[in-house]
Protein backbone atom coordinates (compact mmCIF):
# COMPACT_ATOMS: atom_id res chain seq x y z
CA MET A 1 13.03 121.74 1.30
CA ILE A 2 16.56 120.42 0.89
CA ARG A 3 17.20 120.84 4.62
CA MET A 4 13.99 118.97 5.43
CA ALA A 5 14.98 116.10 3.12
CA LEU A 6 18.44 115.92 4.65
CA ALA A 7 16.95 115.91 8.13
CA ALA A 8 14.60 113.06 7.20
CA MET A 9 17.47 111.03 5.76
CA ALA A 10 19.50 111.65 8.89
CA ALA A 11 16.60 110.48 11.06
CA LEU A 12 16.24 107.26 9.03
CA THR A 13 19.97 106.63 9.25
CA LEU A 14 19.93 107.19 13.00
CA ALA A 15 16.97 104.84 13.41
CA ALA A 16 18.76 102.14 11.43
CA CYS A 17 21.89 102.58 13.51
CA ASN A 18 19.87 102.33 16.71
CA ARG A 19 18.47 98.89 15.77
CA PRO A 20 20.15 96.32 18.00
CA ALA A 21 22.49 93.80 16.40
CA ILE A 22 21.22 90.26 15.83
CA ASP A 23 22.62 87.72 18.27
CA ALA A 24 22.90 84.24 16.74
CA ALA A 25 22.32 82.77 20.21
CA ASP A 26 18.79 84.26 20.23
CA PRO A 27 17.85 85.99 16.96
CA TRP A 28 14.18 86.02 17.98
CA ALA A 29 14.87 88.65 20.64
CA VAL A 30 15.59 91.20 17.91
CA LEU A 31 13.70 89.89 14.87
CA HIS A 32 10.28 89.17 16.34
CA PRO A 33 7.98 90.81 15.49
CA TRP A 34 9.25 90.86 11.90
CA ASP A 35 10.24 94.31 10.63
CA HIS A 36 9.75 94.35 6.84
CA GLY A 37 11.74 97.58 6.59
CA ARG A 38 14.77 96.46 8.57
CA PRO A 39 18.10 97.01 6.73
CA GLY A 40 19.55 93.72 5.49
CA ILE A 41 16.20 92.07 4.79
CA GLU A 42 16.27 90.21 1.47
CA LYS A 43 13.00 89.78 -0.43
CA LEU A 44 12.18 87.03 -2.93
CA ASP A 45 9.65 87.41 -5.74
CA THR A 46 7.37 84.94 -3.96
CA GLY A 47 7.02 87.26 -0.97
CA VAL A 48 9.39 85.29 1.25
CA GLU A 49 11.80 87.49 3.21
CA TYR A 50 14.97 86.55 5.05
CA VAL A 51 17.93 87.98 6.91
CA VAL A 52 21.36 86.39 7.29
CA VAL A 53 22.10 85.86 10.98
CA ARG A 54 25.38 84.00 10.52
CA LYS A 55 27.41 82.91 7.51
CA GLY A 56 29.32 79.65 7.20
CA ASP A 57 32.65 79.34 5.43
CA GLY A 58 30.99 79.50 2.00
CA LYS A 59 33.00 76.54 0.68
CA THR A 60 30.10 74.14 0.07
CA PRO A 61 27.49 74.87 -2.61
CA ALA A 62 23.87 75.59 -1.79
CA PRO A 63 21.47 72.63 -2.17
CA SER A 64 19.41 71.93 -5.26
CA VAL A 65 15.77 70.87 -5.19
CA ARG A 66 16.72 67.17 -5.46
CA ASP A 67 19.18 67.30 -2.56
CA ARG A 68 18.45 66.55 1.07
CA VAL A 69 19.46 68.89 3.86
CA GLU A 70 20.25 68.36 7.52
CA VAL A 71 19.00 71.34 9.51
CA LYS A 72 18.29 72.74 12.94
CA TYR A 73 15.21 74.92 13.02
CA GLU A 74 12.45 76.57 14.99
CA GLY A 75 9.11 77.67 13.58
CA ARG A 76 6.74 80.22 15.11
CA LEU A 77 3.51 81.92 14.15
CA ALA A 78 4.66 85.29 12.85
CA LYS A 79 1.91 87.28 14.57
CA GLU A 80 1.77 85.65 18.00
CA GLY A 81 5.32 84.32 18.21
CA ILE A 82 4.01 80.93 19.40
CA ILE A 83 6.40 78.01 18.77
CA PHE A 84 4.80 75.20 16.78
CA ASP A 85 7.90 73.12 15.97
CA SER A 86 11.51 73.16 17.15
CA SER A 87 14.37 70.76 16.55
CA TYR A 88 16.31 72.78 19.14
CA GLN A 89 13.83 71.75 21.82
CA ARG A 90 14.15 68.11 20.72
CA GLY A 91 17.94 68.37 20.85
CA GLU A 92 18.39 66.91 17.38
CA THR A 93 18.75 67.77 13.73
CA SER A 94 16.22 66.93 11.03
CA VAL A 95 16.70 65.79 7.43
CA PHE A 96 14.38 66.94 4.64
CA GLN A 97 14.36 66.74 0.86
CA VAL A 98 14.34 70.27 -0.51
CA ASN A 99 11.48 69.67 -2.94
CA GLY A 100 9.44 67.98 -0.20
CA VAL A 101 8.98 70.99 2.09
CA ILE A 102 6.67 74.02 1.96
CA PRO A 103 7.43 76.44 -0.91
CA GLY A 104 8.91 79.11 1.37
CA TRP A 105 11.43 76.64 2.76
CA ARG A 106 12.17 75.18 -0.67
CA ASP A 107 13.10 78.58 -2.10
CA GLY A 108 14.86 79.78 1.04
CA LEU A 109 17.05 76.71 1.53
CA GLN A 110 18.49 77.17 -1.96
CA LYS A 111 19.88 80.54 -0.81
CA MET A 112 21.80 78.94 2.05
CA GLN A 113 25.13 77.16 2.35
CA PRO A 114 26.23 74.78 5.11
CA GLY A 115 27.06 76.71 8.27
CA ASP A 116 24.61 79.51 7.48
CA MET A 117 21.88 80.59 9.87
CA PHE A 118 18.96 82.54 8.38
CA MET A 119 15.73 83.92 9.76
CA PHE A 120 12.77 83.64 7.38
CA TRP A 121 9.42 85.36 7.21
CA ILE A 122 7.09 83.21 5.08
CA PRO A 123 3.70 84.49 3.96
CA SER A 124 0.77 82.12 4.29
CA ALA A 125 0.63 81.43 0.55
CA GLN A 126 4.19 80.06 0.68
CA GLY A 127 3.51 78.11 3.88
CA TYR A 128 0.39 76.11 4.67
CA GLY A 129 -2.10 78.46 3.02
CA GLU A 130 -5.82 78.26 3.61
CA ARG A 131 -5.66 74.76 5.08
CA GLY A 132 -3.19 75.43 7.86
CA ALA A 133 -1.51 72.44 9.50
CA GLY A 134 -3.18 70.57 12.31
CA MET A 135 -4.17 72.39 15.47
CA GLN A 136 -0.95 74.38 15.76
CA ILE A 137 -0.93 76.37 12.49
CA PRO A 138 -4.29 78.03 11.77
CA PRO A 139 -5.37 78.73 8.19
CA ASN A 140 -3.81 81.78 6.50
CA SER A 141 -0.98 82.04 9.03
CA ASP A 142 2.25 83.87 8.20
CA LEU A 143 5.22 82.06 9.69
CA MET A 144 8.74 82.77 10.92
CA PHE A 145 11.59 80.27 11.00
CA GLN A 146 15.09 80.19 12.39
CA VAL A 147 17.05 77.76 10.19
CA GLU A 148 20.63 76.48 10.44
CA LEU A 149 21.87 74.48 7.46
CA VAL A 150 24.15 71.80 8.89
CA ARG A 151 25.00 69.90 5.69
CA VAL A 152 23.79 69.01 2.23
CA LEU A 153 23.29 65.38 1.28
CA SER A 154 23.68 65.18 -2.47
CA ASP A 155 21.13 63.12 -4.39
CA PRO A 156 22.62 59.65 -5.11
CA TRP A 157 19.75 58.25 -7.18
CA PRO A 158 20.68 59.50 -10.67
CA LYS A 159 23.78 57.27 -10.44
CA ALA A 160 21.89 54.32 -8.95
CA LEU A 161 19.01 53.83 -11.39
CA PRO A 162 19.61 51.79 -13.43
CA TRP A 163 22.01 50.01 -11.09
CA PRO A 164 25.60 50.09 -12.49
CA THR A 165 26.66 46.54 -11.59
CA ASP A 166 29.84 46.69 -13.68
CA ALA A 167 31.04 50.11 -12.42
CA SER A 168 34.52 50.09 -10.88
CA ASP A 169 33.32 51.46 -7.53
CA ILE A 170 30.65 48.79 -6.98
CA VAL A 171 31.58 46.21 -4.33
CA ARG A 172 30.09 42.79 -5.14
CA LEU A 173 29.85 40.17 -2.37
CA PRO A 174 29.27 36.39 -2.72
CA SER A 175 25.85 36.67 -1.09
CA GLY A 176 24.60 38.80 -3.97
CA LEU A 177 24.79 42.08 -2.03
CA GLU A 178 26.27 44.94 -4.05
CA TYR A 179 27.02 48.42 -2.76
CA ARG A 180 28.87 51.66 -3.39
CA SER A 181 29.92 54.26 -0.83
CA VAL A 182 28.42 57.74 -1.16
CA GLU A 183 29.84 59.24 2.05
CA SER A 184 32.20 57.82 4.66
CA GLY A 185 32.29 58.28 8.40
CA PRO A 186 35.51 58.34 10.47
CA SER A 187 37.83 55.57 9.40
CA ASP A 188 38.51 54.54 13.00
CA GLY A 189 34.81 53.99 13.75
CA ALA A 190 33.54 50.60 14.86
CA SER A 191 30.85 48.55 13.12
CA PRO A 192 27.71 47.08 14.70
CA SER A 193 27.25 43.44 15.62
CA ASP A 194 24.17 41.20 15.62
CA THR A 195 23.35 42.17 19.20
CA ASP A 196 23.36 45.93 18.54
CA VAL A 197 20.55 48.31 17.69
CA VAL A 198 21.27 50.53 14.68
CA VAL A 199 19.87 53.99 14.02
CA VAL A 200 19.47 54.46 10.28
CA HIS A 201 17.98 56.72 7.67
CA PHE A 202 17.08 54.85 4.50
CA GLU A 203 15.16 55.01 1.26
CA GLY A 204 14.27 52.06 -0.96
CA ARG A 205 13.19 51.75 -4.59
CA LEU A 206 12.31 48.76 -6.74
CA GLU A 207 14.95 47.93 -9.31
CA ASP A 208 12.34 46.98 -11.93
CA PRO A 209 9.16 48.94 -11.26
CA ASP A 210 6.29 49.19 -13.71
CA TYR A 211 7.52 52.21 -15.68
CA GLN A 212 5.30 53.82 -18.28
CA VAL A 213 6.69 54.68 -21.69
CA GLY A 214 7.79 58.30 -21.72
CA ASP A 215 8.07 58.63 -17.93
CA THR A 216 10.57 61.26 -16.79
CA PHE A 217 13.29 60.38 -14.29
CA GLU A 218 11.27 62.09 -11.54
CA GLU A 219 8.21 60.00 -12.43
CA LYS A 220 10.30 56.84 -12.38
CA LEU A 221 11.62 57.78 -8.94
CA ASP A 222 8.08 58.29 -7.67
CA SER A 223 6.74 55.04 -9.11
CA SER A 224 9.62 52.95 -7.76
CA LEU A 225 9.63 54.29 -4.18
CA VAL A 226 8.71 51.72 -1.52
CA VAL A 227 9.97 53.31 1.72
CA SER A 228 11.70 56.49 2.91
CA THR A 229 12.53 57.60 6.43
CA TYR A 230 13.76 60.87 4.88
CA ALA A 231 10.22 61.59 3.72
CA GLU A 232 8.91 60.65 7.17
CA GLY A 233 11.40 63.05 8.77
CA GLU A 234 12.81 60.65 11.38
CA PRO A 235 15.35 57.78 11.34
CA LYS A 236 14.45 54.28 12.50
CA GLN A 237 15.99 51.89 15.03
CA PHE A 238 16.37 48.17 14.37
CA LEU A 239 17.94 45.21 16.13
CA VAL A 240 20.59 43.95 13.71
CA SER A 241 19.80 40.27 14.29
CA GLY A 242 16.19 40.92 13.27
CA LEU A 243 17.01 42.38 9.87
CA THR A 244 16.84 40.56 6.55
CA PRO A 245 20.13 38.82 5.59
CA GLY A 246 21.05 41.50 3.04
CA TRP A 247 20.40 44.36 5.42
CA ARG A 248 22.22 42.57 8.23
CA GLU A 249 25.29 42.00 6.06
CA ALA A 250 25.31 45.62 4.90
CA VAL A 251 25.00 47.38 8.27
CA LYS A 252 27.60 45.12 9.89
CA LEU A 253 30.10 46.41 7.31
CA MET A 254 29.23 50.06 7.88
CA ARG A 255 30.52 52.64 10.36
CA PRO A 256 28.56 55.60 11.78
CA GLY A 257 28.60 58.38 9.20
CA ASP A 258 28.66 55.98 6.25
CA ARG A 259 26.04 56.44 3.54
CA TRP A 260 25.78 53.66 0.97
CA MET A 261 23.73 52.74 -2.04
CA ALA A 262 23.04 49.00 -1.80
CA ARG A 263 21.39 46.56 -4.19
CA ILE A 264 19.70 43.74 -2.26
CA PRO A 265 18.28 40.89 -4.35
CA PRO A 266 15.25 38.93 -3.12
CA GLN A 267 17.14 35.83 -1.94
CA ILE A 268 18.77 37.92 0.84
CA ASN A 269 15.85 40.27 1.40
CA TYR A 270 12.19 39.16 1.48
CA GLY A 271 12.35 36.31 -1.04
CA ASP A 272 8.91 34.97 -1.99
CA ASP A 273 7.23 37.13 0.61
CA SER A 274 5.95 40.66 0.19
CA ALA A 275 6.63 43.50 2.61
CA ASP A 276 4.46 46.62 2.54
CA ARG A 277 5.02 48.02 -0.97
CA ILE A 278 7.68 45.43 -1.91
CA PRO A 279 6.20 42.62 -4.07
CA PRO A 280 7.49 39.04 -3.81
CA ASN A 281 10.81 38.26 -5.51
CA SER A 282 11.76 41.93 -5.84
CA THR A 283 15.25 43.40 -5.96
CA VAL A 284 15.39 46.66 -4.01
CA ILE A 285 17.96 49.45 -4.27
CA TYR A 286 18.45 51.12 -0.89
CA GLU A 287 20.11 54.28 0.25
CA ILE A 288 21.31 53.49 3.79
CA GLU A 289 22.82 55.98 6.22
CA LEU A 290 24.15 54.59 9.51
CA LEU A 291 23.77 57.29 12.13
CA ALA A 292 24.65 55.38 15.30
CA PHE A 293 24.50 52.01 17.01
CA GLY A 294 24.71 50.52 20.46
CA PRO A 295 23.36 47.84 22.79
CA PRO A 296 19.57 47.65 23.06
CA GLN A 297 17.81 49.22 26.01
CA PRO A 298 16.47 46.56 28.39
CA ASP A 299 12.81 47.48 27.88
CA SER A 300 12.90 48.42 24.22
CA LEU A 301 13.72 46.01 21.39
CA PRO A 302 12.65 47.59 18.09
CA PRO A 303 11.12 45.41 15.36
CA ALA A 304 12.85 44.65 12.09
CA PRO A 305 11.84 46.71 9.02
């Protein structure tokens, strides 16, 4: 009996040793189909499973649920291996708020640090469940994702609402524009001019929304939100000369890589007019991230926000 047990253990050890190593250049080649018994698989209480493909330097903390993350990723149906979404194929990164993604991603991202690459197996209940998602993800589909965490964008809103006008790091300009820097790009970077097109991520909230007594900070954030490209998942492009005066002044002071919190009063924004969810005579606090800028393409002049 002892010899049989030892032989079985030896066979399991040999099988584990014979499993090919995971290549970060193509982890799918080894990890699909998903092997729930593979050594190194970590299992969460929710049923989500993951394996570490590559570790970063471990110097930057993992994101919290209120943070945003910049990621590269590819998602496939776990059974068929069919790709339904891939930032690799688009040749770009994507930015998401951790508490705005499917539960499997939300829990998994909080296990990662910048520079890490994980492979996830996400059961249907932690993905899109019985509803599925469009034509590409059928109901009750288990999913697999390759995810690289590029960076964590810390949440700037707790320090921006209410707006700290008298804080020492607030820059106040004669026009009424006020801003503070959250992150800075390279100091030798250039700034856009009126004739440039800017590529920006941004989120805006009313300075004085209709709060209810007893609202939590999260509820106040939700009620004050008027626009968010982060929630939409893609940045926007605008011709600088077509922006409102406050926006135009702000982006012309920024360099690619800069992320600012900016308070734009109505006289340099929309004034007596309304704009989408922004009522007339409203002061708006914006988070603005300048990703890039350049001359407009001849056949494509984007509209102002």
